[in-house]
Amino acid sequence: MRWFLTFLLLLPGLALAQPRSVAEVFARPAQQALLMRIEVALAQVQARHGVIPAEAAAEIARTGNTAMVTPEAVAEERRKVGHPMVSLINVWARVARGNAGEFIHYGATTQDIFDTAAILQCRQATELMLGRMLAAEAAMVRLAEAHRATPMIGRTVGRHALPITFGLKVSSWMAENRRNIERLRGWLARTDTGMLSGAVGSYAALGPQAFAIEAELMRELGLGAPWPADWKGAKDMFAEWGALLAVSARSWGRIAQEIFILQGDDIREVVDPSDSVGSSTMPHKVNPGHSRTVVAQSRLVPALAVVLQDWQVSIGERDQISNAETLGELGAAMDRLLVAAAALMQGLEVLPDNMRRNLGRTNGLIMAEHAMFLLGERIGKHTAHEEVRQAALSAGRNNTTLVAEIMARPALAAAARGLDLQRELDPTRYLGLSPEATDRAVAAVRAARGG
């Protein structure tokens, strides 16, 4: 949704029309400007319905900016009165001419405005984060395409398993990131409204026109139709937002942790670029940069998401035990993660020669599956499984090759007669449909991206 960026351009007194980070979205000056924009829109809607005088709405609109109602003045007032909305209204009313100040926040309650603002903030934050996820996705598409057929070892349970391609590995990362993109887009579609229902959700202060005024206010803010029931005491939409970010963070934690391992000297199949000094004592150290940041933030985001889940538990219609500031903390942490994740994917260097070298580290043991099926055609699959297993164990004990141990076992040697085992058990020839599966994943992601 790009409407919100246009909406921000209309915010008087907000110098930064398009925040560069989620932290800026939730910063106090930006939040105040948003609260005031909601109050201005409310006054204008109420004036159209005859609830407040038109001249009062015009004066509220004229003064509804952070140049006339400065964040510093509001902060000072809050230290005196101890209430976020009352402090804003008090300072605003002093600069408004005539009795216009009497009609600021007319018929609304604090939670109406703050929760609506929080929805708008989370939506804008989500758009920023989706942009970073899409940038990382574009880089992964390029990596998968470039390395669709680059052989490497696949690893399961921490051990060498079977040959795959690096493109296949990237396609798994890419598909998981795409699912998280779709989940967040689903949240945007489901969470597209605010509220104006009064202190306990009864709409009493706004009278019989309350439903119409609420719906019109949402349209003024670029939001969808109001939910049919008041949600002041329900915070499930924010808990869901946190949960989806937590899932996305864990996904990136998986990806970044694997890159962290793959870039280490013992494996050295990729390079996570970093220009920073690696150690105060060891001049040779060049430590991974982006993968460490992603892993660290992937631990923080889910922990903050739990706080939002606890926020769901409210007493009565609302209890004002608020964890709203966690929205900003969580969003900022996720944004830091995604900035690093996009940079990681965009700068990742792949070392195909080292991948090929690692394919040979087990002296051919990774080809035991293929040997079993190949020889099993002649002596039976289950017989071949046990015979090849014993050959593999001997190769490990004797530090010999799988081919050598197969030829040392009479039953297997007889079954292998006429076969060029060196060629047949070349790991680069046993990639299955890894390149084709990579192509399929890339095509699906490209289609989801619109070509």
Protein backbone atom coordinates (compact mmCIF):
# COMPACT_ATOMS: atom_id res chain seq x y z
CA MET A 1 0.00 0.00 0.00
CA ARG A 2 1.57 3.25 -1.15
CA TRP A 3 -1.35 5.46 -0.17
CA PHE A 4 0.16 6.15 3.23
CA LEU A 5 3.21 7.84 1.77
CA THR A 6 0.90 10.20 -0.10
CA PHE A 7 -1.07 10.66 3.12
CA LEU A 8 2.10 11.69 4.95
CA LEU A 9 2.80 14.39 2.37
CA LEU A 10 -0.38 16.05 3.58
CA LEU A 11 0.73 16.11 7.20
CA PRO A 12 1.40 19.73 8.16
CA GLY A 13 4.54 20.28 10.17
CA LEU A 14 6.02 16.87 9.40
CA ALA A 15 9.37 17.56 7.78
CA LEU A 16 10.16 13.98 6.81
CA ALA A 17 7.44 12.95 4.39
CA GLN A 18 8.83 9.46 3.88
CA PRO A 19 10.59 7.97 6.92
CA ARG A 20 13.73 6.06 6.05
CA SER A 21 13.37 3.57 8.87
CA VAL A 22 10.75 1.99 11.09
CA ALA A 23 12.34 3.76 14.07
CA GLU A 24 11.41 7.08 12.45
CA VAL A 25 7.81 5.91 11.93
CA PHE A 26 7.43 5.36 15.68
CA ALA A 27 9.45 8.39 16.81
CA ARG A 28 7.56 10.84 19.03
CA PRO A 29 7.49 13.79 16.58
CA ALA A 30 6.14 11.59 13.79
CA GLN A 31 3.60 10.04 16.14
CA GLN A 32 2.40 13.46 17.29
CA ALA A 33 2.01 14.65 13.72
CA LEU A 34 -0.04 11.54 12.99
CA LEU A 35 -2.25 12.00 16.07
CA MET A 36 -2.92 15.57 15.03
CA ARG A 37 -3.73 14.55 11.47
CA ILE A 38 -6.32 12.11 12.82
CA GLU A 39 -7.81 14.81 15.06
CA VAL A 40 -7.94 17.27 12.13
CA ALA A 41 -9.70 14.68 9.97
CA LEU A 42 -12.14 13.97 12.80
CA ALA A 43 -12.98 17.67 13.18
CA GLN A 44 -13.54 18.05 9.44
CA VAL A 45 -15.86 15.03 9.32
CA GLN A 46 -17.77 16.26 12.37
CA ALA A 47 -18.18 19.70 10.83
CA ARG A 48 -19.68 18.15 7.70
CA HIS A 49 -22.18 16.35 9.90
CA GLY A 50 -22.99 19.47 11.92
CA VAL A 51 -21.54 18.09 15.14
CA ILE A 52 -19.06 20.98 15.57
CA PRO A 53 -18.94 24.45 13.93
CA ALA A 54 -17.26 24.63 10.55
CA GLU A 55 -15.11 27.57 11.69
CA ALA A 56 -13.84 25.48 14.62
CA ALA A 57 -12.85 22.66 12.27
CA ALA A 58 -11.05 25.16 10.02
CA GLU A 59 -9.08 26.56 12.97
CA ILE A 60 -8.22 23.07 14.18
CA ALA A 61 -6.90 22.28 10.70
CA ARG A 62 -4.91 25.55 10.57
CA THR A 63 -3.17 24.88 13.87
CA GLY A 64 -2.91 21.11 13.58
CA ASN A 65 0.79 20.84 12.89
CA THR A 66 4.01 20.37 14.79
CA ALA A 67 5.20 23.86 13.93
CA MET A 68 2.42 25.48 15.97
CA VAL A 69 2.07 22.69 18.51
CA THR A 70 5.67 21.70 19.06
CA PRO A 71 6.65 18.30 20.44
CA GLU A 72 8.80 20.10 23.04
CA ALA A 73 5.80 22.04 24.36
CA VAL A 74 3.68 18.89 24.46
CA ALA A 75 6.44 17.01 26.31
CA GLU A 76 6.66 19.81 28.89
CA GLU A 77 2.89 19.78 29.34
CA ARG A 78 2.91 16.03 29.76
CA ARG A 79 5.38 16.33 32.62
CA LYS A 80 2.75 18.48 34.33
CA VAL A 81 -0.48 16.60 33.57
CA GLY A 82 0.85 13.07 33.08
CA HIS A 83 -1.52 12.20 30.21
CA PRO A 84 -0.41 11.91 26.56
CA MET A 85 -3.64 13.08 24.92
CA VAL A 86 -4.59 15.75 27.45
CA SER A 87 -1.13 17.31 27.15
CA LEU A 88 -1.49 17.49 23.36
CA ILE A 89 -5.00 18.95 23.57
CA ASN A 90 -3.99 21.54 26.17
CA VAL A 91 -1.07 22.90 24.12
CA TRP A 92 -3.11 22.80 20.93
CA ALA A 93 -6.08 24.59 22.46
CA ARG A 94 -3.85 27.46 23.58
CA VAL A 95 -2.75 28.26 20.03
CA ALA A 96 -6.20 27.83 18.46
CA ARG A 97 -8.19 31.05 18.08
CA GLY A 98 -11.63 31.64 19.51
CA ASN A 99 -13.22 28.62 21.13
CA ALA A 100 -11.92 26.12 18.54
CA GLY A 101 -9.91 24.39 21.23
CA GLU A 102 -13.16 23.27 22.84
CA PHE A 103 -13.86 21.05 19.83
CA ILE A 104 -10.49 19.29 19.54
CA HIS A 105 -10.94 15.55 20.24
CA TYR A 106 -14.72 16.06 20.44
CA GLY A 107 -16.61 12.87 21.35
CA ALA A 108 -13.51 10.67 21.06
CA THR A 109 -11.48 8.95 23.74
CA THR A 110 -7.71 8.68 23.90
CA GLN A 111 -7.65 5.06 22.82
CA ASP A 112 -9.68 5.83 19.70
CA ILE A 113 -6.94 8.11 18.45
CA PHE A 114 -3.89 6.27 19.74
CA ASP A 115 -4.97 2.80 18.55
CA THR A 116 -5.93 4.17 15.15
CA ALA A 117 -2.54 5.86 14.96
CA ALA A 118 -0.85 2.59 16.01
CA ILE A 119 -2.57 0.74 13.18
CA LEU A 120 -1.37 3.39 10.72
CA GLN A 121 2.16 3.21 12.13
CA CYS A 122 2.26 -0.59 11.92
CA ARG A 123 0.94 -0.47 8.38
CA GLN A 124 3.56 2.03 7.28
CA ALA A 125 6.28 0.07 9.10
CA THR A 126 5.10 -3.07 7.33
CA GLU A 127 5.38 -1.36 3.95
CA LEU A 128 8.95 -0.34 4.71
CA MET A 129 9.82 -3.84 5.87
CA LEU A 130 8.18 -5.43 2.84
CA GLY A 131 10.34 -3.23 0.65
CA ARG A 132 13.44 -4.62 2.34
CA MET A 133 12.16 -8.19 2.05
CA LEU A 134 11.51 -7.65 -1.65
CA ALA A 135 15.03 -6.27 -2.11
CA ALA A 136 16.47 -9.36 -0.41
CA GLU A 137 14.22 -11.53 -2.55
CA ALA A 138 15.47 -9.91 -5.76
CA ALA A 139 19.03 -10.65 -4.71
CA MET A 140 18.12 -14.26 -3.90
CA VAL A 141 16.51 -14.67 -7.32
CA ARG A 142 19.76 -13.56 -8.92
CA LEU A 143 21.81 -15.91 -6.73
CA ALA A 144 19.53 -18.87 -7.45
CA GLU A 145 19.65 -18.25 -11.18
CA ALA A 146 23.42 -17.79 -11.25
CA HIS A 147 24.04 -20.96 -9.21
CA ARG A 148 21.17 -23.20 -10.34
CA ALA A 149 23.73 -25.87 -11.29
CA THR A 150 26.63 -25.04 -8.95
CA PRO A 151 27.34 -28.34 -7.12
CA MET A 152 27.77 -28.38 -3.35
CA ILE A 153 27.23 -30.82 -0.54
CA GLY A 154 23.84 -31.03 1.12
CA ARG A 155 24.03 -31.45 4.87
CA THR A 156 21.59 -33.16 7.25
CA VAL A 157 21.99 -33.60 11.00
CA GLY A 158 25.30 -31.77 10.75
CA ARG A 159 26.78 -34.37 8.38
CA HIS A 160 27.46 -34.60 4.66
CA ALA A 161 24.39 -36.10 3.00
CA LEU A 162 23.96 -35.86 -0.80
CA PRO A 163 25.05 -33.45 -3.53
CA ILE A 164 22.76 -30.52 -4.28
CA THR A 165 23.28 -27.17 -5.97
CA PHE A 166 23.70 -23.83 -4.25
CA GLY A 167 20.77 -22.55 -6.28
CA LEU A 168 18.57 -25.21 -4.67
CA LYS A 169 19.66 -24.08 -1.22
CA VAL A 170 18.94 -20.43 -2.06
CA SER A 171 15.55 -21.38 -3.46
CA SER A 172 14.58 -22.74 -0.04
CA TRP A 173 15.53 -19.43 1.57
CA MET A 174 13.76 -17.50 -1.17
CA ALA A 175 10.52 -19.48 -0.86
CA GLU A 176 10.40 -19.04 2.91
CA ASN A 177 10.93 -15.30 2.57
CA ARG A 178 8.15 -15.18 -0.05
CA ARG A 179 5.74 -16.93 2.33
CA ASN A 180 6.55 -14.33 4.97
CA ILE A 181 5.90 -11.54 2.45
CA GLU A 182 2.48 -13.02 1.72
CA ARG A 183 1.71 -13.40 5.43
CA LEU A 184 2.46 -9.73 6.07
CA ARG A 185 0.41 -8.69 3.06
CA GLY A 186 -2.41 -10.75 4.49
CA TRP A 187 -2.12 -8.80 7.74
CA LEU A 188 -2.33 -5.53 5.80
CA ALA A 189 -5.51 -6.75 4.12
CA ARG A 190 -7.06 -7.90 7.40
CA THR A 191 -5.99 -4.92 9.50
CA ASP A 192 -7.17 -1.95 7.54
CA THR A 193 -9.16 0.21 9.92
CA GLY A 194 -9.20 2.23 13.11
CA MET A 195 -11.98 3.13 15.54
CA LEU A 196 -14.02 5.99 16.98
CA SER A 197 -16.33 4.38 19.50
CA GLY A 198 -15.88 6.38 22.68
CA ALA A 199 -14.82 5.47 26.18
CA VAL A 200 -16.32 1.96 26.38
CA GLY A 201 -17.27 1.31 22.78
CA SER A 202 -20.87 2.48 23.08
CA TYR A 203 -20.55 5.51 20.74
CA ALA A 204 -22.61 7.48 23.29
CA ALA A 205 -20.72 10.79 23.01
CA LEU A 206 -21.18 11.07 19.23
CA GLY A 207 -24.90 10.42 19.14
CA PRO A 208 -26.94 8.69 16.44
CA GLN A 209 -24.54 9.72 13.64
CA ALA A 210 -21.60 7.96 15.30
CA PHE A 211 -21.41 5.01 12.91
CA ALA A 212 -21.45 7.28 9.88
CA ILE A 213 -18.85 9.64 11.37
CA GLU A 214 -16.55 6.73 12.25
CA ALA A 215 -16.80 5.25 8.76
CA GLU A 216 -16.18 8.61 7.12
CA LEU A 217 -13.17 9.26 9.35
CA MET A 218 -11.64 5.96 8.28
CA ARG A 219 -12.11 6.91 4.63
CA GLU A 220 -10.44 10.27 5.32
CA LEU A 221 -7.44 8.40 6.69
CA GLY A 222 -7.25 6.08 3.71
CA LEU A 223 -8.44 3.09 5.73
CA GLY A 224 -11.19 0.55 5.15
CA ALA A 225 -14.55 0.12 6.83
CA PRO A 226 -14.60 -0.04 10.65
CA TRP A 227 -14.81 -3.42 12.30
CA PRO A 228 -18.36 -4.12 13.50
CA ALA A 229 -17.34 -4.35 17.17
CA ASP A 230 -15.24 -2.11 19.39
CA TRP A 231 -11.67 -3.40 19.91
CA LYS A 232 -10.20 -1.25 22.67
CA GLY A 233 -9.88 -4.23 24.97
CA ALA A 234 -8.67 -6.50 22.16
CA LYS A 235 -5.11 -6.32 20.92
CA ASP A 236 -5.07 -9.46 18.79
CA MET A 237 -4.30 -7.48 15.62
CA PHE A 238 -1.10 -6.17 17.19
CA ALA A 239 -0.27 -9.59 18.62
CA GLU A 240 -0.68 -11.07 15.14
CA TRP A 241 1.60 -8.42 13.67
CA GLY A 242 4.25 -9.27 16.24
CA ALA A 243 3.81 -12.99 15.66
CA LEU A 244 4.22 -12.62 11.91
CA LEU A 245 7.35 -10.53 12.39
CA ALA A 246 8.65 -13.17 14.81
CA VAL A 247 8.13 -15.90 12.21
CA SER A 248 9.90 -13.78 9.60
CA ALA A 249 12.74 -13.05 12.01
CA ARG A 250 13.20 -16.75 12.77
CA SER A 251 13.24 -17.47 9.04
CA TRP A 252 16.05 -14.99 8.54
CA GLY A 253 17.78 -16.34 11.63
CA ARG A 254 17.90 -19.74 9.94
CA ILE A 255 19.28 -18.28 6.72
CA ALA A 256 21.85 -16.04 8.38
CA GLN A 257 23.03 -18.72 10.79
CA GLU A 258 23.67 -21.08 7.88
CA ILE A 259 25.61 -18.39 6.04
CA PHE A 260 27.53 -17.70 9.25
CA ILE A 261 28.58 -21.37 9.29
CA LEU A 262 29.23 -21.65 5.55
CA GLN A 263 31.53 -18.60 5.58
CA GLY A 264 33.76 -20.00 8.34
CA ASP A 265 37.31 -21.08 7.53
CA ASP A 266 36.51 -24.78 8.02
CA ILE A 267 33.93 -24.73 5.21
CA ARG A 268 34.50 -21.44 3.35
CA GLU A 269 31.83 -21.85 0.68
CA VAL A 270 30.52 -18.27 0.81
CA VAL A 271 31.77 -14.89 1.99
CA ASP A 272 29.69 -12.54 4.13
CA PRO A 273 31.49 -9.30 3.25
CA SER A 274 32.69 -6.96 5.97
CA ASP A 275 35.09 -4.02 5.92
CA SER A 276 35.31 -3.70 9.70
CA VAL A 277 38.29 -4.67 11.86
CA GLY A 278 37.78 -8.25 13.00
CA SER A 279 39.84 -8.33 16.17
CA SER A 280 41.77 -6.07 18.51
CA THR A 281 44.57 -8.64 18.77
CA MET A 282 44.43 -10.82 15.63
CA PRO A 283 45.17 -8.75 12.50
CA HIS A 284 44.14 -11.53 10.13
CA LYS A 285 40.55 -11.71 11.40
CA VAL A 286 37.81 -10.60 9.00
CA ASN A 287 34.59 -11.43 10.79
CA PRO A 288 31.19 -11.82 9.15
CA GLY A 289 29.18 -8.63 9.31
CA HIS A 290 25.58 -8.89 8.20
CA SER A 291 24.89 -12.49 9.20
CA ARG A 292 25.80 -11.73 12.82
CA THR A 293 23.42 -8.77 12.90
CA VAL A 294 20.58 -10.81 11.45
CA VAL A 295 21.04 -13.67 13.92
CA ALA A 296 21.21 -11.27 16.89
CA GLN A 297 18.04 -9.42 15.89
CA SER A 298 16.26 -12.70 15.10
CA ARG A 299 16.56 -13.52 18.80
CA LEU A 300 15.21 -10.15 19.93
CA VAL A 301 12.15 -9.84 17.69
CA PRO A 302 10.35 -13.00 18.92
CA ALA A 303 11.01 -12.03 22.55
CA LEU A 304 9.31 -8.67 21.99
CA ALA A 305 6.46 -10.38 20.14
CA VAL A 306 5.65 -12.33 23.31
CA VAL A 307 5.00 -9.01 25.08
CA LEU A 308 2.37 -8.16 22.46
CA GLN A 309 0.73 -11.53 23.05
CA ASP A 310 0.56 -10.75 26.76
CA TRP A 311 -0.97 -7.36 25.85
CA GLN A 312 -3.99 -9.26 24.56
CA VAL A 313 -5.08 -9.98 28.11
CA SER A 314 -7.13 -6.99 29.21
CA ILE A 315 -9.53 -6.34 32.07
CA GLY A 316 -13.07 -5.26 31.19
CA GLU A 317 -13.55 -2.99 28.20
CA ARG A 318 -9.97 -1.74 28.58
CA ASP A 319 -7.47 -1.39 31.39
CA GLN A 320 -4.88 1.04 29.97
CA ILE A 321 -2.06 -1.35 30.88
CA SER A 322 -0.41 -0.56 27.60
CA ASN A 323 2.51 -2.14 25.79
CA ALA A 324 2.08 0.10 22.76
CA GLU A 325 5.71 1.21 22.86
CA THR A 326 6.72 -2.39 22.21
CA LEU A 327 5.31 -1.95 18.70
CA GLY A 328 8.04 0.54 17.92
CA GLU A 329 10.77 -1.47 19.65
CA LEU A 330 9.82 -4.65 17.82
CA GLY A 331 9.40 -2.88 14.47
CA ALA A 332 12.77 -1.15 14.78
CA ALA A 333 14.51 -4.44 15.66
CA MET A 334 12.90 -6.17 12.69
CA ASP A 335 13.87 -3.28 10.44
CA ARG A 336 17.51 -3.54 11.55
CA LEU A 337 17.36 -7.25 10.78
CA LEU A 338 15.91 -6.72 7.30
CA VAL A 339 18.36 -3.97 6.37
CA ALA A 340 21.19 -6.36 7.24
CA ALA A 341 19.44 -9.28 5.50
CA ALA A 342 19.06 -7.36 2.24
CA ALA A 343 22.70 -6.27 2.39
CA LEU A 344 23.74 -9.84 3.15
CA MET A 345 21.97 -11.23 0.09
CA GLN A 346 23.09 -8.40 -2.16
CA GLY A 347 26.75 -8.72 -1.18
CA LEU A 348 27.06 -12.48 -0.69
CA GLU A 349 30.06 -13.94 -2.52
CA VAL A 350 29.87 -17.58 -3.59
CA LEU A 351 32.99 -19.79 -3.84
CA PRO A 352 32.14 -22.65 -6.25
CA ASP A 353 35.67 -24.11 -6.20
CA ASN A 354 35.49 -24.55 -2.43
CA MET A 355 32.06 -26.13 -2.78
CA ARG A 356 33.51 -28.69 -5.19
CA ARG A 357 36.44 -29.31 -2.86
CA ASN A 358 34.09 -30.01 0.03
CA LEU A 359 32.15 -32.49 -2.11
CA GLY A 360 35.22 -34.72 -1.96
CA ARG A 361 35.93 -34.48 1.75
CA THR A 362 34.35 -37.88 2.53
CA ASN A 363 36.25 -39.78 -0.17
CA GLY A 364 33.05 -40.53 -2.02
CA LEU A 365 30.91 -41.68 0.91
CA ILE A 366 28.23 -39.17 -0.09
CA MET A 367 27.60 -41.36 -3.15
CA ALA A 368 26.59 -44.40 -1.10
CA GLU A 369 22.90 -43.90 -1.92
CA HIS A 370 23.57 -43.93 -5.65
CA ALA A 371 25.88 -46.93 -5.27
CA MET A 372 23.13 -48.78 -3.39
CA PHE A 373 20.55 -48.19 -6.12
CA LEU A 374 23.02 -48.83 -8.93
CA LEU A 375 24.22 -52.15 -7.52
CA GLY A 376 20.83 -53.01 -6.09
CA GLU A 377 19.54 -53.46 -9.62
CA ARG A 378 21.77 -56.56 -9.74
CA ILE A 379 21.71 -57.93 -6.19
CA GLY A 380 18.58 -56.37 -4.68
CA LYS A 381 18.14 -53.02 -2.98
CA HIS A 382 18.15 -54.23 0.65
CA THR A 383 21.13 -56.50 0.13
CA ALA A 384 22.98 -53.67 -1.58
CA HIS A 385 22.08 -51.30 1.28
CA GLU A 386 23.79 -53.50 3.87
CA GLU A 387 26.77 -54.29 1.66
CA VAL A 388 27.34 -50.64 0.77
CA ARG A 389 26.86 -49.63 4.39
CA GLN A 390 29.63 -52.00 5.44
CA ALA A 391 31.83 -50.68 2.63
CA ALA A 392 31.20 -47.12 3.82
CA LEU A 393 32.10 -48.04 7.40
CA SER A 394 35.34 -49.62 6.19
CA ALA A 395 36.17 -46.55 4.11
CA GLY A 396 35.73 -44.38 7.18
CA ARG A 397 37.92 -46.63 9.34
CA ASN A 398 40.62 -47.12 6.74
CA ASN A 399 40.57 -43.63 5.27
CA THR A 400 40.01 -45.13 1.84
CA THR A 401 37.51 -44.35 -0.89
CA LEU A 402 34.02 -45.77 -1.21
CA VAL A 403 34.92 -47.15 -4.65
CA ALA A 404 37.96 -48.95 -3.24
CA GLU A 405 35.93 -50.56 -0.46
CA ILE A 406 33.17 -51.59 -2.87
CA MET A 407 35.69 -53.35 -5.05
CA ALA A 408 37.19 -55.03 -1.96
CA ARG A 409 33.88 -56.76 -1.15
CA PRO A 410 33.30 -59.80 -3.39
CA ALA A 411 29.52 -59.48 -3.68
CA LEU A 412 29.74 -55.81 -4.60
CA ALA A 413 32.73 -56.25 -6.88
CA ALA A 414 30.85 -58.91 -8.83
CA ALA A 415 27.79 -56.68 -9.10
CA ALA A 416 29.93 -53.77 -10.26
CA ARG A 417 31.52 -55.77 -13.11
CA GLY A 418 31.32 -53.76 -16.33
CA LEU A 419 30.49 -50.49 -14.54
CA ASP A 420 32.76 -47.44 -14.50
CA LEU A 421 32.27 -46.69 -10.81
CA GLN A 422 34.58 -43.66 -10.80
CA ARG A 423 32.35 -42.04 -13.39
CA GLU A 424 29.06 -43.34 -12.03
CA LEU A 425 29.89 -42.16 -8.51
CA ASP A 426 31.02 -38.68 -9.50
CA PRO A 427 29.01 -36.41 -7.13
CA THR A 428 28.63 -33.68 -9.74
CA ARG A 429 26.64 -36.18 -11.83
CA TYR A 430 24.20 -36.93 -9.00
CA LEU A 431 22.35 -33.65 -8.61
CA GLY A 432 18.91 -35.05 -9.35
CA LEU A 433 16.56 -32.29 -10.44
CA SER A 434 18.30 -29.63 -8.34
CA PRO A 435 18.73 -27.22 -11.28
CA GLU A 436 15.19 -27.79 -12.51
CA ALA A 437 13.74 -27.44 -9.00
CA THR A 438 15.63 -24.16 -8.67
CA ASP A 439 14.19 -22.98 -11.98
CA ARG A 440 10.70 -23.86 -10.78
CA ALA A 441 11.13 -21.90 -7.55
CA VAL A 442 12.55 -18.88 -9.37
CA ALA A 443 9.66 -18.93 -11.84
CA ALA A 444 7.13 -19.03 -8.98
CA VAL A 445 8.76 -16.13 -7.18
CA ARG A 446 9.06 -14.10 -10.37
CA ALA A 447 5.36 -14.68 -11.03
CA ALA A 448 4.50 -13.57 -7.49
CA ARG A 449 6.61 -10.45 -8.00
CA GLY A 450 4.72 -9.65 -11.18
CA GLY A 451 7.28 -10.80 -13.70
